[in-house]
Amino acid sequence: MGRFLVLLILGLLCSSGQGLRFDLQSGHTKCIAEDIKSNAMSVGNYHIVNPNEGQPLPDTHKITVRVTSTYGNNYHYGDNVESGHFAFTAAEAGDYMTCFWVPERKPQVTLTIDFDWRTGVAAKDWSNVAKKGQIDVMELELKKLEDTVTSIHEEMFYLREREEEMQELNRKTNSRMAWLSFLSLIVCLSVAGLQLWHLKTFFERKKLL
């Protein structure tokens, strides 16, 4: 149990935020998924890396970004932009997708994109919390620890709910498979019976029996 809690804490600290840099060619799409609990905060920032530092971005360096929930609800949409920001509280649990698309260009261009996506405890702006609350470093760390423990507690309940959902799905699947096997057996026996009856009738007609 202790080892499980340690792994869960490490998983939360590691998976609650991800900073990525990737290349994307024009005419292509790249999607990134994040499993988010309901009522969890999510914050994302993205921008195109300037290939010529100190100069304006070329006109060809534009992207379209869309964030959708597991049920297809839109949470963010940026059309033909160089950078953007989104923040939302998840209304439903599941996999959320952030998709980046670069319009077709001739000749083809390759864009480098920086993307930072954080959820849960990692999504909170602790610097603003410290400024607004006028609290010292120790109190801030305690606040972080409290929120982390709360997040772990919620994550355990979330995992338990997902496990129960999977068990219920397995039970329904096993029940359906049992019915399907039974129906398949009935069909096979019926076909075998019809074949025997047909053969018997055929042999009787030919007076072989």
Protein backbone atom coordinates (compact mmCIF):
# COMPACT_ATOMS: atom_id res chain seq x y z
CA MET A 1 0.00 0.00 0.00
CA GLY A 2 2.84 2.38 0.88
CA ARG A 3 4.59 1.63 -2.40
CA PHE A 4 1.32 2.25 -4.27
CA LEU A 5 0.93 5.67 -2.63
CA VAL A 6 4.50 6.59 -3.52
CA LEU A 7 3.96 5.58 -7.14
CA LEU A 8 0.65 7.47 -7.20
CA ILE A 9 2.31 10.63 -5.85
CA LEU A 10 5.11 10.37 -8.40
CA GLY A 11 2.58 9.78 -11.14
CA LEU A 12 0.59 12.84 -10.16
CA LEU A 13 3.65 15.05 -9.96
CA CYS A 14 4.97 13.81 -13.31
CA SER A 15 1.78 13.44 -15.34
CA SER A 16 -0.10 16.51 -14.13
CA GLY A 17 1.98 18.72 -16.39
CA GLN A 18 3.86 18.26 -19.62
CA GLY A 19 6.08 20.63 -21.54
CA LEU A 20 6.64 19.53 -25.13
CA ARG A 21 8.53 20.77 -28.17
CA PHE A 22 7.75 19.09 -31.47
CA ASP A 23 7.99 19.65 -35.21
CA LEU A 24 4.92 19.76 -37.44
CA GLN A 25 4.93 19.91 -41.23
CA SER A 26 2.41 21.94 -43.19
CA GLY A 27 -0.66 19.97 -44.21
CA HIS A 28 -0.33 17.68 -41.19
CA THR A 29 -2.05 17.36 -37.81
CA LYS A 30 -0.68 16.31 -34.42
CA CYS A 31 -2.94 15.51 -31.44
CA ILE A 32 -1.93 15.20 -27.79
CA ALA A 33 -4.19 13.51 -25.22
CA GLU A 34 -4.46 14.12 -21.49
CA ASP A 35 -6.62 12.12 -19.06
CA ILE A 36 -8.40 14.72 -16.90
CA LYS A 37 -10.79 14.20 -13.98
CA SER A 38 -14.09 16.08 -13.82
CA ASN A 39 -13.90 19.48 -12.07
CA ALA A 40 -10.10 19.52 -12.50
CA MET A 41 -8.43 22.70 -13.68
CA SER A 42 -6.47 22.61 -16.93
CA VAL A 43 -4.17 25.28 -18.35
CA GLY A 44 -2.27 25.27 -21.63
CA ASN A 45 0.13 27.58 -23.46
CA TYR A 46 1.52 27.16 -26.95
CA HIS A 47 3.59 29.17 -29.40
CA ILE A 48 5.57 28.74 -32.58
CA VAL A 49 9.33 28.88 -32.12
CA ASN A 50 10.80 31.66 -34.24
CA PRO A 51 13.40 30.18 -36.63
CA ASN A 52 14.98 33.62 -37.01
CA GLU A 53 15.37 35.02 -33.52
CA GLY A 54 14.97 38.79 -33.34
CA GLN A 55 12.87 38.94 -36.52
CA PRO A 56 9.09 38.70 -37.05
CA LEU A 57 7.66 35.26 -37.71
CA PRO A 58 7.18 34.46 -41.41
CA ASP A 59 3.61 34.63 -42.72
CA THR A 60 3.74 30.87 -43.34
CA HIS A 61 4.14 30.19 -39.62
CA LYS A 62 0.51 29.93 -38.52
CA ILE A 63 -1.33 27.09 -36.80
CA THR A 64 -4.89 26.09 -35.96
CA VAL A 65 -5.46 24.64 -32.48
CA ARG A 66 -8.52 22.90 -31.07
CA VAL A 67 -9.09 21.39 -27.60
CA THR A 68 -11.95 18.90 -27.27
CA SER A 69 -13.28 16.64 -24.55
CA THR A 70 -13.83 12.89 -24.73
CA TYR A 71 -17.44 13.62 -25.81
CA GLY A 72 -16.41 16.06 -28.54
CA ASN A 73 -17.17 19.31 -26.68
CA ASN A 74 -14.96 22.25 -27.69
CA TYR A 75 -12.95 23.97 -24.95
CA HIS A 76 -10.61 26.07 -27.07
CA TYR A 77 -10.20 27.06 -30.71
CA GLY A 78 -7.44 29.17 -32.24
CA ASP A 79 -7.51 29.72 -35.99
CA ASN A 80 -4.41 30.79 -37.94
CA VAL A 81 -2.51 31.96 -34.86
CA GLU A 82 1.13 32.14 -33.77
CA SER A 83 0.49 31.50 -30.08
CA GLY A 84 -2.35 31.00 -27.65
CA HIS A 85 -3.53 30.17 -24.17
CA PHE A 86 -6.45 28.16 -22.79
CA ALA A 87 -7.79 27.51 -19.32
CA PHE A 88 -10.87 25.57 -18.30
CA THR A 89 -12.40 23.37 -15.63
CA ALA A 90 -13.24 19.93 -16.98
CA ALA A 91 -16.98 19.26 -16.98
CA GLU A 92 -16.54 15.55 -17.65
CA ALA A 93 -13.82 13.01 -16.96
CA GLY A 94 -11.89 11.32 -19.73
CA ASP A 95 -9.30 11.92 -22.44
CA TYR A 96 -9.04 15.51 -23.65
CA MET A 97 -7.38 16.13 -27.03
CA THR A 98 -5.35 19.13 -28.14
CA CYS A 99 -4.87 19.02 -31.91
CA PHE A 100 -2.48 21.23 -33.89
CA TRP A 101 -2.90 21.68 -37.64
CA VAL A 102 -0.71 23.59 -40.10
CA PRO A 103 -2.33 24.68 -43.40
CA GLU A 104 -0.96 23.29 -46.63
CA ARG A 105 2.02 25.28 -47.92
CA LYS A 106 4.01 25.11 -51.15
CA PRO A 107 6.85 24.59 -50.70
CA GLN A 108 6.25 22.58 -47.53
CA VAL A 109 7.39 24.19 -44.28
CA THR A 110 8.18 22.65 -40.89
CA LEU A 111 7.15 24.49 -37.72
CA THR A 112 8.57 23.92 -34.25
CA ILE A 113 5.93 24.30 -31.52
CA ASP A 114 6.37 24.70 -27.78
CA PHE A 115 3.39 23.37 -25.81
CA ASP A 116 2.93 23.40 -22.04
CA TRP A 117 -0.18 21.65 -20.68
CA ARG A 118 -0.85 21.36 -16.95
CA THR A 119 -3.79 19.94 -15.01
CA GLY A 120 -4.86 19.67 -11.40
CA VAL A 121 -2.42 20.98 -8.79
CA ALA A 122 0.22 21.81 -11.42
CA ALA A 123 -2.25 24.10 -13.22
CA LYS A 124 -2.51 26.54 -10.32
CA ASP A 125 -0.54 29.81 -10.42
CA TRP A 126 1.25 29.56 -7.08
CA SER A 127 3.09 32.86 -7.55
CA ASN A 128 -0.25 34.70 -7.65
CA VAL A 129 -1.47 32.70 -4.67
CA ALA A 130 1.54 33.88 -2.70
CA LYS A 131 1.07 37.52 -3.76
CA LYS A 132 -2.65 37.61 -3.09
CA GLY A 133 -2.49 35.77 0.20
CA GLN A 134 0.55 37.59 1.56
CA ILE A 135 1.88 34.32 2.95
CA ASP A 136 5.45 33.26 3.55
CA VAL A 137 7.32 30.42 1.89
CA MET A 138 6.46 27.82 4.53
CA GLU A 139 2.73 28.53 4.33
CA LEU A 140 2.89 28.37 0.54
CA GLU A 141 4.60 24.98 0.65
CA LEU A 142 1.99 23.74 3.13
CA LYS A 143 -0.75 24.96 0.81
CA LYS A 144 0.88 23.10 -2.09
CA LEU A 145 1.15 19.96 0.06
CA GLU A 146 -2.49 20.23 1.11
CA ASP A 147 -3.64 20.56 -2.48
CA THR A 148 -1.40 17.65 -3.50
CA VAL A 149 -2.87 15.41 -0.79
CA THR A 150 -6.39 16.45 -1.82
CA SER A 151 -5.53 15.68 -5.44
CA ILE A 152 -4.18 12.25 -4.44
CA HIS A 153 -7.36 11.54 -2.50
CA GLU A 154 -9.52 12.54 -5.48
CA GLU A 155 -7.30 10.54 -7.83
CA MET A 156 -7.77 7.41 -5.71
CA PHE A 157 -11.56 7.79 -5.84
CA TYR A 158 -11.34 8.47 -9.58
CA LEU A 159 -9.26 5.32 -10.16
CA ARG A 160 -11.71 3.33 -8.04
CA GLU A 161 -14.62 4.62 -10.13
CA ARG A 162 -12.80 3.77 -13.35
CA GLU A 163 -12.07 0.27 -11.99
CA GLU A 164 -15.75 -0.23 -11.12
CA GLU A 165 -16.73 0.95 -14.61
CA MET A 166 -14.29 -1.52 -16.18
CA GLN A 167 -15.58 -4.36 -13.97
CA GLU A 168 -19.17 -3.54 -14.94
CA LEU A 169 -18.15 -3.44 -18.61
CA ASN A 170 -16.43 -6.84 -18.23
CA ARG A 171 -19.53 -8.30 -16.58
CA LYS A 172 -21.76 -7.03 -19.39
CA THR A 173 -19.31 -8.28 -22.02
CA ASN A 174 -19.11 -11.74 -20.42
CA SER A 175 -22.90 -11.91 -20.19
CA ARG A 176 -23.29 -10.94 -23.84
CA MET A 177 -20.63 -13.43 -24.89
CA ALA A 178 -22.43 -16.17 -22.95
CA TRP A 179 -25.71 -15.35 -24.71
CA LEU A 180 -23.93 -15.19 -28.07
CA SER A 181 -22.31 -18.58 -27.45
CA PHE A 182 -25.70 -20.05 -26.47
CA LEU A 183 -27.38 -18.63 -29.58
CA SER A 184 -24.51 -19.89 -31.75
CA LEU A 185 -24.94 -23.37 -30.26
CA ILE A 186 -28.71 -23.29 -30.93
CA VAL A 187 -28.12 -22.19 -34.52
CA CYS A 188 -25.51 -24.91 -35.07
CA LEU A 189 -27.78 -27.60 -33.62
CA SER A 190 -30.68 -26.32 -35.70
CA VAL A 191 -28.62 -26.40 -38.90
CA ALA A 192 -27.34 -29.88 -38.06
CA GLY A 193 -30.91 -31.04 -37.43
CA LEU A 194 -32.11 -29.57 -40.73
CA GLN A 195 -29.23 -31.25 -42.55
CA LEU A 196 -30.07 -34.64 -41.00
CA TRP A 197 -33.75 -34.20 -41.85
CA HIS A 198 -32.87 -33.22 -45.42
CA LEU A 199 -30.56 -36.21 -45.85
CA LYS A 200 -33.13 -38.58 -44.37
CA THR A 201 -35.82 -37.21 -46.70
CA PHE A 202 -33.47 -37.47 -49.69
CA PHE A 203 -32.54 -41.09 -48.96
CA GLU A 204 -36.20 -42.03 -48.40
CA ARG A 205 -37.11 -40.53 -51.75
CA LYS A 206 -34.34 -42.48 -53.42
CA LYS A 207 -35.49 -45.53 -51.46
CA LEU A 208 -32.06 -46.00 -50.01
CA LEU A 209 -33.41 -46.37 -46.49
